[in-house]
Amino acid sequence: MQSLIVSKYKFSDLISQAFNNIHSDILKMFKGVLEEMLLRVRDEIIGGKRYRRGFSYKRWGYTIRKWVQTPIGILSGVKVPRVRSYAREISLFMDRYIHRSTEIEEILLEGYLWGISSRRLRIWSRRIFGDVLSHSSICKIKDKVRGLVRDMRESVIGDDIRVIVIDGIFGRYRKRGRGVVLVALGIDVNGRCNLLDWLGCDSENTLNWSRLFRRLIYRGLKKPELIVSDGGTGITEAISRVWKIPPRHQICLWHLQNDMIKNLKRKDLFHKRHIIRDYWEIFDGLNETEARERLRKFYNKWEKLEEKALKVLKRNEPKIFLFYKYPISFRHRLKTTNLAEGFFRHLRTFLRRFPGWINENHINLLLGIYLLGINTFKHNLNNIYSSEMPKSILNINFNRIY
């Protein structure tokens, strides 16, 4: 039998060697193309060919950019043209002090989003981009995030927001115990979802929900037609406290189902599945009239067997059919707070790697980094990571808040 011959070479090693052999040539070509584009920008600003007279802007030699970090490596000694007028130098670019491309900042934010520490980011940057990324550079990126968060939380909310979906995600503060982030999502006239604002606090009480509502009103939110939330008493009292004439309040049907299940006499799985199936069939009606007729049949079937559970449903009956007043195209988003839960699903994974929140400013930074990372994924849907993102995340408009 012929023996099996095993090669001592690895194809991956050959790929690395081939890239290393041409890497310097690629950087030289990249540098040449970049310097040629810089000359074109200079000529466009001046508005005339060389040695022509009568223009207010003049060529003024070059300045040498010691290094410029790009996704394929560092360019050194880049010649940047200078332009002057009669009195002062004219800058070619608005961001004249930038030494890194925006792609690198996006990659670093993605890395931070997925849990890479600052120390590992420095090591990773040196291996991929050929440069040691200092801790101060990462801090500058964080400061940029803080600035974006500040700008978006001070922006004006448009008049087209019709419905607000609110909910809270629980976590914990360092040395303080349990905490929660209250989040408000808006649905506009076209049925599109928009992240409006959030608030880090200690609990879902009336005071904290009132703070969030007043922040939205201060930023220009008109009184919404409908608020979708769970059945918490803090939310109900906050709505009545903030608005003299409260907007309509749709209770989350999923939370209502759980409240009913807690009050069942029989706890076996088969009985639970049976009543849950009948419960959701109520809301499959094409209109409110049909849904109320199904509700009447539901009462007739289960009232004697599960009187205590049905009291929960009867108590919230005025708040369960309000979603029928909206177009069927986005009616499903108003039945429950699943819109907010979808936003929370991936956010919980992101926040879980932190040992806890320090304060509200720390929450703002984390949420800002998270949203920037999600926007990067949304703008690059062909990226390998996009398949890992929940569809509910990709359907929310995060650009609205920027």
Protein backbone atom coordinates (compact mmCIF):
# COMPACT_ATOMS: atom_id res chain seq x y z
CA MET A 1 0.00 0.00 0.00
CA GLN A 2 1.28 3.44 -0.91
CA SER A 3 2.06 5.53 2.15
CA LEU A 4 0.32 8.87 2.64
CA ILE A 5 2.61 11.86 1.99
CA VAL A 6 2.05 14.74 4.41
CA SER A 7 3.33 18.15 3.31
CA LYS A 8 5.33 20.26 5.73
CA TYR A 9 3.93 23.52 4.31
CA LYS A 10 0.82 25.43 5.35
CA PHE A 11 -1.22 27.37 2.85
CA SER A 12 -2.03 30.00 5.47
CA ASP A 13 1.70 30.63 6.00
CA LEU A 14 2.19 31.18 2.27
CA ILE A 15 -0.67 33.69 2.24
CA SER A 16 0.96 35.63 5.09
CA GLN A 17 4.36 35.59 3.36
CA ALA A 18 2.85 36.76 0.08
CA PHE A 19 1.10 39.65 1.82
CA ASN A 20 4.26 40.66 3.69
CA ASN A 21 6.19 40.71 0.40
CA ILE A 22 3.80 43.15 -1.24
CA HIS A 23 2.73 45.10 1.86
CA SER A 24 5.40 47.80 1.48
CA ASP A 25 4.58 48.20 -2.22
CA ILE A 26 0.88 48.58 -1.42
CA LEU A 27 1.64 51.28 1.15
CA LYS A 28 3.81 53.17 -1.37
CA MET A 29 1.04 52.97 -3.96
CA PHE A 30 -1.51 54.07 -1.35
CA LYS A 31 0.69 57.01 -0.35
CA GLY A 32 1.13 58.08 -3.97
CA VAL A 33 -2.61 57.99 -4.66
CA LEU A 34 -3.34 59.91 -1.44
CA GLU A 35 -0.80 62.65 -2.21
CA GLU A 36 -2.17 62.98 -5.74
CA MET A 37 -5.69 63.43 -4.34
CA LEU A 38 -4.39 66.05 -1.89
CA LEU A 39 -2.98 68.03 -4.83
CA ARG A 40 -6.34 67.89 -6.57
CA VAL A 41 -8.06 69.23 -3.46
CA ARG A 42 -5.53 72.07 -3.28
CA ASP A 43 -6.04 72.98 -6.96
CA GLU A 44 -9.80 72.89 -6.52
CA ILE A 45 -9.60 75.31 -3.57
CA ILE A 46 -7.28 77.69 -5.42
CA GLY A 47 -9.37 77.51 -8.55
CA GLY A 48 -6.59 77.87 -11.13
CA LYS A 49 -3.58 76.21 -12.65
CA ARG A 50 -0.04 76.74 -11.45
CA TYR A 51 1.70 80.09 -12.14
CA ARG A 52 -1.56 81.80 -13.06
CA ARG A 53 -2.18 85.15 -11.39
CA GLY A 54 -5.23 86.94 -10.10
CA PHE A 55 -6.40 84.43 -7.51
CA SER A 56 -6.88 85.27 -3.81
CA TYR A 57 -5.46 81.89 -2.70
CA LYS A 58 -1.83 80.91 -3.30
CA ARG A 59 0.19 77.68 -3.13
CA TRP A 60 2.41 77.69 -0.06
CA GLY A 61 4.59 74.61 -0.15
CA TYR A 62 3.95 71.48 1.89
CA THR A 63 3.78 70.22 5.43
CA ILE A 64 4.86 66.71 6.29
CA ARG A 65 2.40 64.53 8.19
CA LYS A 66 4.67 62.22 10.19
CA TRP A 67 2.21 59.35 10.21
CA VAL A 68 -1.30 58.52 9.09
CA GLN A 69 -2.90 55.30 10.29
CA THR A 70 -4.97 53.42 7.71
CA PRO A 71 -6.71 50.02 7.73
CA ILE A 72 -3.75 48.47 5.85
CA GLY A 73 -0.92 50.06 7.82
CA ILE A 74 0.86 53.32 8.62
CA LEU A 75 1.78 55.86 5.96
CA SER A 76 4.81 57.92 6.98
CA GLY A 77 5.97 61.27 5.62
CA VAL A 78 2.78 62.19 3.76
CA LYS A 79 3.14 65.53 1.92
CA VAL A 80 0.10 67.69 2.62
CA PRO A 81 -0.13 70.85 0.43
CA ARG A 82 -0.57 74.24 2.07
CA VAL A 83 -2.66 77.14 0.82
CA ARG A 84 -2.59 80.74 2.00
CA SER A 85 -4.45 83.95 1.38
CA TYR A 86 -3.03 87.43 1.81
CA ALA A 87 -3.45 87.32 5.58
CA ARG A 88 -3.45 83.71 6.80
CA GLU A 89 -3.13 80.04 5.95
CA ILE A 90 -6.21 78.29 4.57
CA SER A 91 -6.93 74.80 5.87
CA LEU A 92 -7.69 72.18 3.23
CA PHE A 93 -9.90 70.11 5.55
CA MET A 94 -12.27 70.61 8.46
CA ASP A 95 -10.64 67.76 10.41
CA ARG A 96 -7.04 68.86 9.86
CA TYR A 97 -5.59 67.16 12.96
CA ILE A 98 -6.95 63.67 12.24
CA HIS A 99 -4.28 60.95 12.10
CA ARG A 100 -6.58 57.93 11.75
CA SER A 101 -9.24 57.01 9.23
CA THR A 102 -12.85 56.70 10.34
CA GLU A 103 -12.80 52.99 9.44
CA ILE A 104 -10.27 52.38 12.24
CA GLU A 105 -12.41 54.19 14.79
CA GLU A 106 -15.41 52.12 13.72
CA ILE A 107 -13.38 48.92 14.04
CA LEU A 108 -12.19 49.93 17.52
CA LEU A 109 -15.74 50.76 18.59
CA GLU A 110 -16.91 47.40 17.27
CA GLY A 111 -14.16 45.71 19.26
CA TYR A 112 -15.13 47.61 22.40
CA LEU A 113 -18.76 46.74 21.73
CA TRP A 114 -17.98 43.03 21.64
CA GLY A 115 -16.06 43.07 24.89
CA ILE A 116 -12.39 43.68 24.03
CA SER A 117 -10.67 45.59 26.84
CA SER A 118 -8.54 48.73 26.29
CA ARG A 119 -5.37 46.75 26.92
CA ARG A 120 -6.22 44.11 24.34
CA LEU A 121 -7.28 46.78 21.86
CA ARG A 122 -3.76 48.24 22.04
CA ILE A 123 -2.18 44.83 21.35
CA TRP A 124 -4.67 44.10 18.59
CA SER A 125 -4.09 47.51 16.98
CA ARG A 126 -0.33 46.97 16.91
CA ARG A 127 -0.71 43.59 15.23
CA ILE A 128 -3.34 44.64 12.67
CA PHE A 129 -2.57 48.29 11.95
CA GLY A 130 1.14 48.32 12.80
CA ASP A 131 0.84 50.84 15.58
CA VAL A 132 0.54 50.87 19.37
CA LEU A 133 -2.77 52.49 20.25
CA SER A 134 -2.27 54.39 23.49
CA HIS A 135 -4.74 54.47 26.35
CA SER A 136 -5.19 58.20 25.77
CA SER A 137 -6.23 57.54 22.16
CA ILE A 138 -8.93 55.15 23.32
CA CYS A 139 -10.03 57.77 25.86
CA LYS A 140 -10.33 60.30 23.03
CA ILE A 141 -12.63 57.92 21.19
CA LYS A 142 -14.69 57.60 24.37
CA ASP A 143 -14.82 61.40 24.66
CA LYS A 144 -16.08 61.52 21.10
CA VAL A 145 -18.83 59.09 22.08
CA ARG A 146 -19.74 61.27 25.06
CA GLY A 147 -20.04 64.26 22.75
CA LEU A 148 -22.32 62.36 20.39
CA VAL A 149 -24.46 61.19 23.30
CA ARG A 150 -24.71 64.75 24.59
CA ASP A 151 -25.71 66.06 21.15
CA MET A 152 -28.32 63.41 20.53
CA ARG A 153 -29.91 63.80 23.96
CA GLU A 154 -30.24 67.53 23.35
CA SER A 155 -31.70 67.21 19.83
CA VAL A 156 -35.29 68.18 19.10
CA ILE A 157 -37.85 65.36 18.80
CA GLY A 158 -40.03 65.73 15.69
CA ASP A 159 -43.78 66.21 15.61
CA ASP A 160 -44.35 62.94 13.74
CA ILE A 161 -44.02 60.67 16.81
CA ARG A 162 -47.46 59.17 17.47
CA VAL A 163 -46.81 56.27 19.84
CA ILE A 164 -44.27 55.68 22.65
CA VAL A 165 -43.19 52.20 23.73
CA ILE A 166 -41.46 52.22 27.14
CA ASP A 167 -39.82 49.58 29.28
CA GLY A 168 -36.86 49.09 31.63
CA ILE A 169 -33.77 46.86 31.62
CA PHE A 170 -32.45 45.85 35.04
CA GLY A 171 -28.81 45.70 36.06
CA ARG A 172 -26.82 46.81 39.08
CA TYR A 173 -24.71 49.72 40.22
CA ARG A 174 -21.30 49.16 41.74
CA LYS A 175 -21.57 49.25 45.54
CA ARG A 176 -25.17 50.47 45.28
CA GLY A 177 -27.16 47.41 44.34
CA ARG A 178 -29.90 47.03 41.78
CA GLY A 179 -30.45 49.60 39.03
CA VAL A 180 -32.52 50.01 35.89
CA VAL A 181 -32.28 51.82 32.54
CA LEU A 182 -35.63 53.24 31.41
CA VAL A 183 -35.90 53.38 27.61
CA ALA A 184 -38.43 55.17 25.39
CA LEU A 185 -38.93 54.12 21.76
CA GLY A 186 -41.17 56.14 19.43
CA ILE A 187 -43.23 55.10 16.41
CA ASP A 188 -43.78 57.79 13.79
CA VAL A 189 -46.62 58.31 11.32
CA ASN A 190 -45.01 55.88 8.85
CA GLY A 191 -44.74 53.12 11.45
CA ARG A 192 -40.97 53.45 11.74
CA CYS A 193 -39.34 52.89 15.14
CA ASN A 194 -37.05 55.52 16.65
CA LEU A 195 -34.98 55.49 19.81
CA LEU A 196 -35.99 58.62 21.71
CA ASP A 197 -34.17 58.64 25.04
CA TRP A 198 -33.20 56.68 28.14
CA LEU A 199 -32.61 57.27 31.84
CA GLY A 200 -30.42 55.37 34.31
CA CYS A 201 -31.90 55.21 37.81
CA ASP A 202 -32.51 52.99 40.83
CA SER A 203 -36.06 51.72 40.22
CA GLU A 204 -39.15 51.94 38.00
CA ASN A 205 -41.04 54.25 40.33
CA THR A 206 -43.33 57.16 39.50
CA LEU A 207 -40.63 59.80 40.05
CA ASN A 208 -38.15 58.25 37.59
CA TRP A 209 -40.74 57.66 34.86
CA SER A 210 -41.88 61.26 35.30
CA ARG A 211 -38.28 62.42 34.85
CA LEU A 212 -38.02 60.52 31.55
CA PHE A 213 -41.36 61.85 30.27
CA ARG A 214 -40.42 65.43 31.15
CA ARG A 215 -37.09 65.04 29.34
CA LEU A 216 -38.99 64.03 26.21
CA ILE A 217 -41.40 66.96 26.56
CA TYR A 218 -38.49 69.38 27.09
CA ARG A 219 -36.95 68.17 23.85
CA GLY A 220 -40.12 68.96 21.91
CA LEU A 221 -42.25 65.82 22.15
CA LYS A 222 -45.94 66.57 21.67
CA LYS A 223 -48.43 64.61 23.71
CA PRO A 224 -48.42 61.12 22.16
CA GLU A 225 -51.62 59.45 21.04
CA LEU A 226 -50.73 56.19 22.78
CA ILE A 227 -48.24 54.85 25.34
CA VAL A 228 -47.46 51.12 25.35
CA SER A 229 -46.02 49.64 28.53
CA ASP A 230 -46.40 46.88 31.10
CA GLY A 231 -48.95 47.19 33.89
CA GLY A 232 -46.65 48.80 36.45
CA THR A 233 -48.33 51.27 38.78
CA GLY A 234 -45.36 53.65 38.57
CA ILE A 235 -45.91 54.18 34.84
CA THR A 236 -49.66 54.74 35.21
CA GLU A 237 -49.20 57.31 37.96
CA ALA A 238 -46.39 59.07 36.06
CA ILE A 239 -48.58 59.43 32.96
CA SER A 240 -51.34 61.03 35.02
CA ARG A 241 -48.86 63.30 36.79
CA VAL A 242 -47.07 64.61 33.68
CA TRP A 243 -50.08 65.19 31.38
CA LYS A 244 -53.22 66.95 32.58
CA ILE A 245 -55.19 65.01 29.97
CA PRO A 246 -53.30 61.69 29.89
CA PRO A 247 -52.76 59.94 26.54
CA ARG A 248 -54.31 56.54 26.00
CA HIS A 249 -52.44 53.68 27.66
CA GLN A 250 -52.14 50.30 25.91
CA ILE A 251 -51.03 47.58 28.32
CA CYS A 252 -48.55 44.99 27.07
CA LEU A 253 -50.55 41.84 26.28
CA TRP A 254 -47.60 39.59 27.07
CA HIS A 255 -47.20 41.05 30.57
CA LEU A 256 -50.95 40.79 31.07
CA GLN A 257 -50.80 37.11 30.11
CA ASN A 258 -48.10 36.49 32.73
CA ASP A 259 -50.20 38.21 35.41
CA MET A 260 -53.10 35.95 34.53
CA ILE A 261 -50.95 32.82 34.66
CA LYS A 262 -49.77 33.70 38.17
CA ASN A 263 -53.38 33.66 39.36
CA LEU A 264 -54.42 30.33 37.84
CA LYS A 265 -55.86 27.65 40.11
CA ARG A 266 -54.44 24.81 38.05
CA LYS A 267 -50.70 25.04 37.45
CA ASP A 268 -50.18 22.06 35.12
CA LEU A 269 -48.54 22.75 31.76
CA PHE A 270 -51.41 21.44 29.63
CA HIS A 271 -53.91 23.76 31.31
CA LYS A 272 -51.60 26.77 30.93
CA ARG A 273 -51.07 26.09 27.22
CA HIS A 274 -54.79 25.74 26.66
CA ILE A 275 -55.74 29.05 28.28
CA ILE A 276 -52.79 30.90 26.68
CA ARG A 277 -53.85 29.68 23.24
CA ASP A 278 -57.42 30.89 23.78
CA TYR A 279 -56.12 34.18 25.21
CA TRP A 280 -54.10 35.09 22.11
CA GLU A 281 -56.92 34.09 19.78
CA ILE A 282 -58.85 37.05 21.21
CA PHE A 283 -56.45 39.49 19.54
CA ASP A 284 -56.38 37.76 16.15
CA GLY A 285 -59.62 39.49 15.21
CA LEU A 286 -59.53 41.80 12.19
CA ASN A 287 -61.12 44.65 14.13
CA GLU A 288 -62.09 45.64 17.64
CA THR A 289 -65.68 44.42 17.27
CA GLU A 290 -64.58 40.91 16.37
CA ALA A 291 -61.97 40.93 19.16
CA ARG A 292 -64.57 41.90 21.78
CA GLU A 293 -66.84 39.09 20.60
CA ARG A 294 -63.95 36.64 21.05
CA LEU A 295 -63.30 38.09 24.50
CA ARG A 296 -66.95 37.44 25.47
CA LYS A 297 -66.59 33.77 24.41
CA PHE A 298 -63.33 33.56 26.37
CA TYR A 299 -65.15 34.75 29.51
CA ASN A 300 -67.96 32.25 29.03
CA LYS A 301 -65.51 29.39 28.67
CA TRP A 302 -63.10 30.10 31.53
CA GLU A 303 -64.85 32.32 34.07
CA LYS A 304 -66.12 29.48 36.29
CA LEU A 305 -62.82 27.57 36.19
CA GLU A 306 -60.43 30.51 36.57
CA GLU A 307 -62.38 33.35 38.14
CA LYS A 308 -59.37 34.91 39.89
CA ALA A 309 -57.23 34.95 36.72
CA LEU A 310 -60.02 36.51 34.67
CA LYS A 311 -60.41 39.31 37.21
CA VAL A 312 -56.95 40.48 36.15
CA LEU A 313 -58.10 40.58 32.53
CA LYS A 314 -61.36 42.39 33.35
CA ARG A 315 -59.52 44.99 35.42
CA ASN A 316 -57.32 45.88 32.42
CA GLU A 317 -59.97 45.49 29.71
CA PRO A 318 -60.11 49.24 28.85
CA LYS A 319 -56.39 49.08 27.94
CA ILE A 320 -56.17 45.99 25.73
CA PHE A 321 -57.88 46.97 22.44
CA LEU A 322 -56.40 50.42 21.78
CA PHE A 323 -53.95 49.11 19.15
CA TYR A 324 -56.89 48.45 16.78
CA LYS A 325 -57.15 52.19 16.14
CA TYR A 326 -53.91 52.13 14.11
CA PRO A 327 -53.04 50.79 10.63
CA ILE A 328 -52.64 47.04 10.39
CA SER A 329 -49.14 47.48 8.92
CA PHE A 330 -47.61 48.32 12.31
CA ARG A 331 -50.43 47.27 14.64
CA HIS A 332 -48.40 44.25 15.79
CA ARG A 333 -45.80 46.57 17.34
CA LEU A 334 -48.39 48.08 19.66
CA LYS A 335 -49.73 44.88 21.20
CA THR A 336 -46.71 44.30 23.41
CA THR A 337 -43.44 45.88 24.49
CA ASN A 338 -41.54 43.38 22.31
CA LEU A 339 -40.12 46.33 20.40
CA ALA A 340 -38.27 47.41 23.54
CA GLU A 341 -37.49 43.81 24.52
CA GLY A 342 -35.83 43.25 21.15
CA PHE A 343 -33.68 46.30 21.78
CA PHE A 344 -32.81 44.97 25.25
CA ARG A 345 -31.94 41.44 24.15
CA HIS A 346 -28.58 42.32 22.67
CA LEU A 347 -28.01 45.21 25.07
CA ARG A 348 -28.14 42.81 28.03
CA THR A 349 -25.36 40.75 26.44
CA PHE A 350 -23.28 43.89 25.99
CA LEU A 351 -23.80 45.14 29.56
CA ARG A 352 -23.23 41.74 31.14
CA ARG A 353 -19.45 41.96 30.70
CA PHE A 354 -19.23 45.06 32.91
CA PRO A 355 -18.91 44.59 36.70
CA GLY A 356 -21.67 47.14 37.18
CA TRP A 357 -22.65 50.72 36.42
CA ILE A 358 -20.78 53.53 38.15
CA ASN A 359 -23.34 56.29 37.71
CA GLU A 360 -25.73 57.76 35.14
CA ASN A 361 -22.87 59.24 33.08
CA HIS A 362 -21.32 55.78 32.86
CA ILE A 363 -24.62 54.42 31.53
CA ASN A 364 -24.72 57.20 28.93
CA LEU A 365 -21.23 56.25 27.74
CA LEU A 366 -22.09 52.55 27.51
CA LEU A 367 -25.32 53.23 25.62
CA GLY A 368 -23.52 55.62 23.28
CA ILE A 369 -20.86 53.04 22.42
CA TYR A 370 -23.56 50.42 21.97
CA LEU A 371 -25.60 52.58 19.59
CA LEU A 372 -22.56 53.58 17.53
CA GLY A 373 -21.67 49.92 17.17
CA ILE A 374 -25.21 49.02 16.11
CA ASN A 375 -25.19 51.82 13.53
CA THR A 376 -21.94 50.41 12.13
CA PHE A 377 -23.61 47.03 11.70
CA LYS A 378 -26.69 48.59 10.12
CA HIS A 379 -24.60 50.47 7.57
CA ASN A 380 -22.69 47.29 6.71
CA LEU A 381 -25.44 44.68 6.51
CA ASN A 382 -23.25 42.43 4.40
CA ASN A 383 -20.82 42.25 7.29
CA ILE A 384 -20.39 38.84 8.89
CA TYR A 385 -21.68 40.21 12.19
CA SER A 386 -25.05 41.29 10.78
CA SER A 387 -26.40 37.74 10.98
CA GLU A 388 -25.79 37.83 14.75
CA MET A 389 -27.89 40.93 15.30
CA PRO A 390 -31.58 40.52 16.22
CA LYS A 391 -33.89 41.66 13.42
CA SER A 392 -35.74 43.87 15.90
CA ILE A 393 -32.49 45.80 16.44
CA LEU A 394 -31.93 46.32 12.71
CA ASN A 395 -35.50 47.64 12.31
CA ILE A 396 -35.02 50.48 14.82
CA ASN A 397 -33.89 53.87 13.58
CA PHE A 398 -30.88 54.88 15.71
CA ASN A 399 -29.85 57.66 13.30
CA ARG A 400 -32.85 59.66 14.48
CA ILE A 401 -31.19 60.39 17.77
CA TYR A 402 -27.84 61.50 16.29
